[in-house]
Amino acid sequence: AATGFALWEDALVLTDWLARLPTPETLGRSGGVPPGLLAASLLELRSWDRVLAVELGAGIGLCAAAAARLGMEVVATDGDDRTVRLIASNLCRNVTDGPGRARAAELLWGDGAAARAL
């Protein structure tokens, strides 16, 4: 059964956390990311512009929309076709005037060829 038709609490937490990070360089000062977990080159960036992100199991697409509005290029994925259509619709409505872009794509867990095609 599809679980993507719900707004999960973790999506609210992640979206709130992203909103508090105006630039990638603030990741190092946020205290929310353990040292060494992220590439040093990411922590040196002064904007999210063109940072690539893939969201796995994107639900309704809230986190992807928030990341795109920061300037990231995001692919929001899910394994259920109906959920992917919902994500695409939500992204169309909510990522229209921000600096980044987001799109929805179907991705089944374990499908390496599909993951590489993203």
N, C-alpha and C. Protein backbone atom coordinates (compact mmCIF):
# COMPACT_ATOMS: atom_id res chain seq x y z
N ALA A 1 0.84 -1.19 0.00
CA ALA A 1 0.00 0.00 0.00
C ALA A 1 0.87 1.24 0.00
N ALA A 2 0.45 2.26 -0.69
CA ALA A 2 1.18 3.51 -0.76
C ALA A 2 1.06 4.26 0.57
N THR A 3 2.17 4.82 1.02
CA THR A 3 2.16 5.61 2.26
C THR A 3 2.44 7.08 1.96
N GLY A 4 2.55 7.43 0.68
CA GLY A 4 2.94 8.77 0.30
C GLY A 4 1.84 9.80 0.32
N PHE A 5 0.63 9.41 0.67
CA PHE A 5 -0.46 10.37 0.66
C PHE A 5 -0.67 11.00 2.03
N ALA A 6 0.37 10.98 2.85
CA ALA A 6 0.28 11.56 4.18
C ALA A 6 1.43 12.54 4.38
N LEU A 7 1.20 13.54 5.20
CA LEU A 7 2.28 14.44 5.60
C LEU A 7 2.86 13.87 6.88
N TRP A 8 4.04 13.30 6.78
CA TRP A 8 4.69 12.65 7.92
C TRP A 8 5.37 13.70 8.78
N GLU A 9 5.38 13.49 10.08
CA GLU A 9 5.96 14.44 11.01
C GLU A 9 7.44 14.70 10.73
N ASP A 10 8.17 13.67 10.29
CA ASP A 10 9.59 13.89 9.99
C ASP A 10 9.79 14.87 8.84
N ALA A 11 8.84 14.95 7.92
CA ALA A 11 8.93 15.92 6.83
C ALA A 11 8.82 17.34 7.37
N LEU A 12 7.98 17.54 8.36
CA LEU A 12 7.87 18.86 8.99
C LEU A 12 9.17 19.24 9.70
N VAL A 13 9.77 18.27 10.39
CA VAL A 13 11.02 18.52 11.11
C VAL A 13 12.14 18.84 10.13
N LEU A 14 12.27 18.06 9.07
CA LEU A 14 13.33 18.30 8.10
C LEU A 14 13.13 19.63 7.38
N THR A 15 11.90 19.95 7.02
CA THR A 15 11.61 21.22 6.34
C THR A 15 11.95 22.40 7.25
N ASP A 16 11.60 22.29 8.52
CA ASP A 16 11.94 23.35 9.48
C ASP A 16 13.45 23.50 9.60
N TRP A 17 14.17 22.38 9.66
CA TRP A 17 15.63 22.40 9.77
C TRP A 17 16.24 23.05 8.52
N LEU A 18 15.75 22.67 7.33
CA LEU A 18 16.26 23.28 6.10
C LEU A 18 16.04 24.79 6.09
N ALA A 19 14.89 25.22 6.56
CA ALA A 19 14.57 26.65 6.57
C ALA A 19 15.54 27.45 7.44
N ARG A 20 16.17 26.78 8.38
CA ARG A 20 17.12 27.44 9.27
C ARG A 20 18.54 27.45 8.72
N LEU A 21 18.72 26.91 7.51
CA LEU A 21 20.05 26.82 6.89
C LEU A 21 20.08 27.66 5.62
N PRO A 22 20.30 28.95 5.72
CA PRO A 22 20.26 29.79 4.53
C PRO A 22 21.34 29.47 3.51
N THR A 23 22.44 28.88 3.94
CA THR A 23 23.52 28.50 3.03
C THR A 23 24.12 27.17 3.49
N PRO A 24 24.78 26.45 2.58
CA PRO A 24 25.43 25.20 2.99
C PRO A 24 26.50 25.41 4.06
N GLU A 25 27.17 26.54 4.03
CA GLU A 25 28.22 26.77 5.02
C GLU A 25 27.67 26.82 6.44
N THR A 26 26.37 27.10 6.59
CA THR A 26 25.77 27.10 7.93
C THR A 26 25.58 25.69 8.48
N LEU A 27 25.69 24.68 7.62
CA LEU A 27 25.60 23.29 8.09
C LEU A 27 26.66 22.99 9.14
N GLY A 28 27.85 23.49 8.90
CA GLY A 28 28.95 23.23 9.83
C GLY A 28 28.76 23.88 11.18
N ARG A 29 27.98 24.94 11.22
CA ARG A 29 27.77 25.67 12.48
C ARG A 29 26.45 25.29 13.14
N SER A 30 25.61 24.53 12.44
CA SER A 30 24.27 24.26 12.96
C SER A 30 24.27 23.29 14.13
N GLY A 31 25.29 22.46 14.22
CA GLY A 31 25.34 21.47 15.28
C GLY A 31 24.48 20.25 14.99
N GLY A 32 23.75 20.27 13.87
CA GLY A 32 22.87 19.16 13.56
C GLY A 32 23.49 18.10 12.68
N VAL A 33 24.71 18.34 12.21
CA VAL A 33 25.37 17.39 11.32
C VAL A 33 26.72 17.02 11.95
N PRO A 34 26.95 15.74 12.21
CA PRO A 34 28.22 15.33 12.81
C PRO A 34 29.41 15.69 11.91
N PRO A 35 30.52 16.13 12.49
CA PRO A 35 31.71 16.46 11.70
C PRO A 35 32.15 15.28 10.84
N GLY A 36 32.55 15.57 9.61
CA GLY A 36 33.04 14.53 8.71
C GLY A 36 31.96 13.84 7.90
N LEU A 37 30.69 14.10 8.18
CA LEU A 37 29.61 13.44 7.48
C LEU A 37 29.39 14.03 6.08
N LEU A 38 29.63 15.32 5.94
CA LEU A 38 29.42 16.00 4.66
C LEU A 38 30.76 16.36 4.02
N ALA A 39 30.76 16.43 2.71
CA ALA A 39 31.96 16.82 1.98
C ALA A 39 32.35 18.25 2.35
N ALA A 40 33.63 18.46 2.56
CA ALA A 40 34.13 19.80 2.90
C ALA A 40 33.77 20.81 1.82
N SER A 41 33.75 20.37 0.56
CA SER A 41 33.43 21.29 -0.53
C SER A 41 31.99 21.82 -0.41
N LEU A 42 31.06 21.02 0.11
CA LEU A 42 29.69 21.48 0.31
C LEU A 42 29.65 22.56 1.39
N LEU A 43 30.42 22.38 2.44
CA LEU A 43 30.40 23.32 3.55
C LEU A 43 31.01 24.67 3.18
N GLU A 44 31.71 24.73 2.05
CA GLU A 44 32.32 25.99 1.60
C GLU A 44 31.40 26.80 0.70
N LEU A 45 30.30 26.21 0.24
CA LEU A 45 29.40 26.92 -0.67
C LEU A 45 28.64 28.02 0.06
N ARG A 46 28.44 29.14 -0.63
CA ARG A 46 27.75 30.28 -0.02
C ARG A 46 26.29 30.36 -0.42
N SER A 47 25.83 29.41 -1.24
CA SER A 47 24.40 29.35 -1.57
C SER A 47 24.05 27.91 -1.93
N TRP A 48 22.76 27.63 -1.91
CA TRP A 48 22.27 26.30 -2.28
C TRP A 48 22.11 26.16 -3.79
N ASP A 49 22.33 27.24 -4.54
CA ASP A 49 22.12 27.21 -5.99
C ASP A 49 22.86 26.04 -6.63
N ARG A 50 22.11 25.24 -7.36
CA ARG A 50 22.60 24.10 -8.13
C ARG A 50 23.14 22.94 -7.30
N VAL A 51 22.94 22.95 -5.99
CA VAL A 51 23.26 21.77 -5.19
C VAL A 51 22.23 20.71 -5.57
N LEU A 52 22.69 19.52 -5.91
CA LEU A 52 21.80 18.44 -6.34
C LEU A 52 21.37 17.61 -5.14
N ALA A 53 20.08 17.29 -5.08
CA ALA A 53 19.55 16.48 -3.99
C ALA A 53 18.55 15.47 -4.54
N VAL A 54 18.53 14.29 -3.95
CA VAL A 54 17.53 13.27 -4.27
C VAL A 54 16.82 12.93 -2.97
N GLU A 55 15.52 13.05 -2.99
CA GLU A 55 14.73 12.67 -1.82
C GLU A 55 14.11 11.31 -2.08
N LEU A 56 14.41 10.36 -1.22
CA LEU A 56 13.89 9.00 -1.35
C LEU A 56 12.62 8.88 -0.53
N GLY A 57 11.56 8.38 -1.15
CA GLY A 57 10.28 8.27 -0.44
C GLY A 57 9.78 9.65 -0.05
N ALA A 58 9.54 10.49 -1.04
CA ALA A 58 9.28 11.91 -0.82
C ALA A 58 7.90 12.23 -0.26
N GLY A 59 7.06 11.25 -0.08
CA GLY A 59 5.74 11.53 0.50
C GLY A 59 4.93 12.45 -0.39
N ILE A 60 4.57 13.62 0.12
CA ILE A 60 3.81 14.58 -0.68
C ILE A 60 4.72 15.62 -1.33
N GLY A 61 6.04 15.54 -1.08
CA GLY A 61 7.00 16.43 -1.73
C GLY A 61 7.35 17.68 -0.96
N LEU A 62 6.96 17.77 0.31
CA LEU A 62 7.21 18.97 1.10
C LEU A 62 8.70 19.30 1.21
N CYS A 63 9.53 18.31 1.56
CA CYS A 63 10.96 18.57 1.74
C CYS A 63 11.61 18.97 0.41
N ALA A 64 11.20 18.32 -0.66
CA ALA A 64 11.74 18.66 -1.97
C ALA A 64 11.38 20.09 -2.36
N ALA A 65 10.15 20.48 -2.08
CA ALA A 65 9.73 21.85 -2.38
C ALA A 65 10.52 22.86 -1.57
N ALA A 66 10.72 22.58 -0.29
CA ALA A 66 11.50 23.48 0.56
C ALA A 66 12.94 23.59 0.07
N ALA A 67 13.54 22.46 -0.29
CA ALA A 67 14.92 22.47 -0.78
C ALA A 67 15.03 23.25 -2.09
N ALA A 68 14.06 23.09 -2.97
CA ALA A 68 14.07 23.81 -4.25
C ALA A 68 13.92 25.31 -4.01
N ARG A 69 13.10 25.69 -3.06
CA ARG A 69 12.91 27.11 -2.79
C ARG A 69 14.17 27.74 -2.21
N LEU A 70 15.06 26.90 -1.64
CA LEU A 70 16.37 27.40 -1.19
C LEU A 70 17.35 27.55 -2.36
N GLY A 71 17.05 26.89 -3.48
CA GLY A 71 17.92 26.97 -4.65
C GLY A 71 18.45 25.64 -5.14
N MET A 72 18.13 24.55 -4.46
CA MET A 72 18.63 23.24 -4.87
C MET A 72 17.91 22.73 -6.10
N GLU A 73 18.56 21.81 -6.80
CA GLU A 73 17.97 21.06 -7.89
C GLU A 73 17.60 19.70 -7.29
N VAL A 74 16.32 19.41 -7.18
CA VAL A 74 15.86 18.25 -6.40
C VAL A 74 15.08 17.28 -7.28
N VAL A 75 15.33 15.98 -7.06
CA VAL A 75 14.50 14.93 -7.63
C VAL A 75 13.81 14.25 -6.45
N ALA A 76 12.50 14.37 -6.38
CA ALA A 76 11.70 13.76 -5.32
C ALA A 76 11.19 12.42 -5.83
N THR A 77 11.53 11.34 -5.16
CA THR A 77 11.19 10.01 -5.66
C THR A 77 10.23 9.26 -4.75
N ASP A 78 9.55 8.32 -5.37
CA ASP A 78 8.73 7.36 -4.64
C ASP A 78 8.56 6.14 -5.54
N GLY A 79 8.21 5.02 -4.96
CA GLY A 79 8.03 3.80 -5.73
C GLY A 79 6.61 3.58 -6.22
N ASP A 80 5.69 4.42 -5.81
CA ASP A 80 4.28 4.28 -6.19
C ASP A 80 3.92 5.34 -7.22
N ASP A 81 3.39 4.91 -8.35
CA ASP A 81 3.08 5.83 -9.45
C ASP A 81 2.08 6.91 -9.04
N ARG A 82 1.06 6.56 -8.27
CA ARG A 82 0.08 7.56 -7.84
C ARG A 82 0.73 8.61 -6.95
N THR A 83 1.63 8.17 -6.08
CA THR A 83 2.33 9.11 -5.20
C THR A 83 3.23 10.02 -6.01
N VAL A 84 3.90 9.48 -7.02
CA VAL A 84 4.76 10.31 -7.88
C VAL A 84 3.93 11.39 -8.57
N ARG A 85 2.74 11.03 -9.03
CA ARG A 85 1.87 12.03 -9.67
C ARG A 85 1.44 13.11 -8.67
N LEU A 86 1.16 12.71 -7.43
CA LEU A 86 0.80 13.68 -6.40
C LEU A 86 1.98 14.61 -6.11
N ILE A 87 3.17 14.04 -5.98
CA ILE A 87 4.37 14.85 -5.74
C ILE A 87 4.55 15.86 -6.88
N ALA A 88 4.43 15.38 -8.13
CA ALA A 88 4.60 16.27 -9.29
C ALA A 88 3.59 17.41 -9.24
N SER A 89 2.35 17.10 -8.91
CA SER A 89 1.32 18.13 -8.82
C SER A 89 1.64 19.14 -7.73
N ASN A 90 2.06 18.65 -6.57
CA ASN A 90 2.40 19.54 -5.46
C ASN A 90 3.61 20.41 -5.80
N LEU A 91 4.60 19.84 -6.47
CA LEU A 91 5.77 20.63 -6.84
C LEU A 91 5.40 21.71 -7.85
N CYS A 92 4.51 21.38 -8.78
CA CYS A 92 4.05 22.37 -9.77
C CYS A 92 3.38 23.55 -9.08
N ARG A 93 2.64 23.27 -8.04
CA ARG A 93 1.92 24.33 -7.33
C ARG A 93 2.81 25.16 -6.41
N ASN A 94 3.88 24.55 -5.89
CA ASN A 94 4.63 25.18 -4.81
C ASN A 94 6.07 25.56 -5.13
N VAL A 95 6.55 25.18 -6.29
CA VAL A 95 7.91 25.54 -6.67
C VAL A 95 7.83 26.27 -8.00
N THR A 96 7.32 27.49 -7.94
CA THR A 96 7.12 28.24 -9.18
C THR A 96 8.01 29.47 -9.27
N ASP A 97 8.33 30.07 -8.15
CA ASP A 97 9.07 31.33 -8.20
C ASP A 97 10.36 31.31 -7.42
N GLY A 98 10.78 30.15 -6.97
CA GLY A 98 12.02 30.07 -6.21
C GLY A 98 13.23 29.94 -7.12
N PRO A 99 14.41 29.99 -6.53
CA PRO A 99 15.62 29.90 -7.33
C PRO A 99 15.95 28.50 -7.81
N GLY A 100 15.44 27.47 -7.17
CA GLY A 100 15.76 26.09 -7.54
C GLY A 100 14.65 25.44 -8.35
N ARG A 101 14.86 24.16 -8.61
CA ARG A 101 13.86 23.38 -9.36
C ARG A 101 13.68 22.04 -8.68
N ALA A 102 12.51 21.46 -8.89
CA ALA A 102 12.24 20.13 -8.35
C ALA A 102 11.38 19.38 -9.35
N ARG A 103 11.60 18.09 -9.42
CA ARG A 103 10.77 17.23 -10.26
C ARG A 103 10.55 15.93 -9.52
N ALA A 104 9.51 15.22 -9.93
CA ALA A 104 9.17 13.94 -9.32
C ALA A 104 9.57 12.81 -10.27
N ALA A 105 9.99 11.69 -9.70
CA ALA A 105 10.36 10.53 -10.51
C ALA A 105 10.07 9.25 -9.74
N GLU A 106 9.67 8.23 -10.48
CA GLU A 106 9.45 6.93 -9.84
C GLU A 106 10.79 6.24 -9.64
N LEU A 107 10.98 5.71 -8.44
CA LEU A 107 12.20 4.97 -8.13
C LEU A 107 11.86 3.86 -7.16
N LEU A 108 12.05 2.64 -7.60
CA LEU A 108 11.82 1.48 -6.74
C LEU A 108 13.12 1.13 -6.03
N TRP A 109 13.01 0.81 -4.76
CA TRP A 109 14.19 0.41 -4.00
C TRP A 109 14.89 -0.75 -4.69
N GLY A 110 16.20 -0.65 -4.83
CA GLY A 110 16.99 -1.71 -5.43
C GLY A 110 17.12 -1.64 -6.93
N ASP A 111 16.46 -0.68 -7.58
CA ASP A 111 16.53 -0.55 -9.04
C ASP A 111 17.70 0.37 -9.38
N GLY A 112 18.88 -0.22 -9.50
CA GLY A 112 20.09 0.54 -9.78
C GLY A 112 20.05 1.29 -11.09
N ALA A 113 19.48 0.69 -12.12
CA ALA A 113 19.41 1.36 -13.42
C ALA A 113 18.55 2.61 -13.34
N ALA A 114 17.42 2.54 -12.65
CA ALA A 114 16.55 3.70 -12.49
C ALA A 114 17.24 4.78 -11.67
N ALA A 115 17.97 4.37 -10.65
CA ALA A 115 18.69 5.35 -9.81
C ALA A 115 19.75 6.08 -10.63
N ARG A 116 20.46 5.35 -11.45
CA ARG A 116 21.50 5.98 -12.29
C ARG A 116 20.88 6.92 -13.32
N ALA A 117 19.67 6.63 -13.75
CA ALA A 117 19.00 7.45 -14.78
C ALA A 117 18.48 8.77 -14.22
N LEU A 118 18.38 8.89 -12.90
CA LEU A 118 17.88 10.13 -12.31
C LEU A 118 18.79 11.26 -12.69
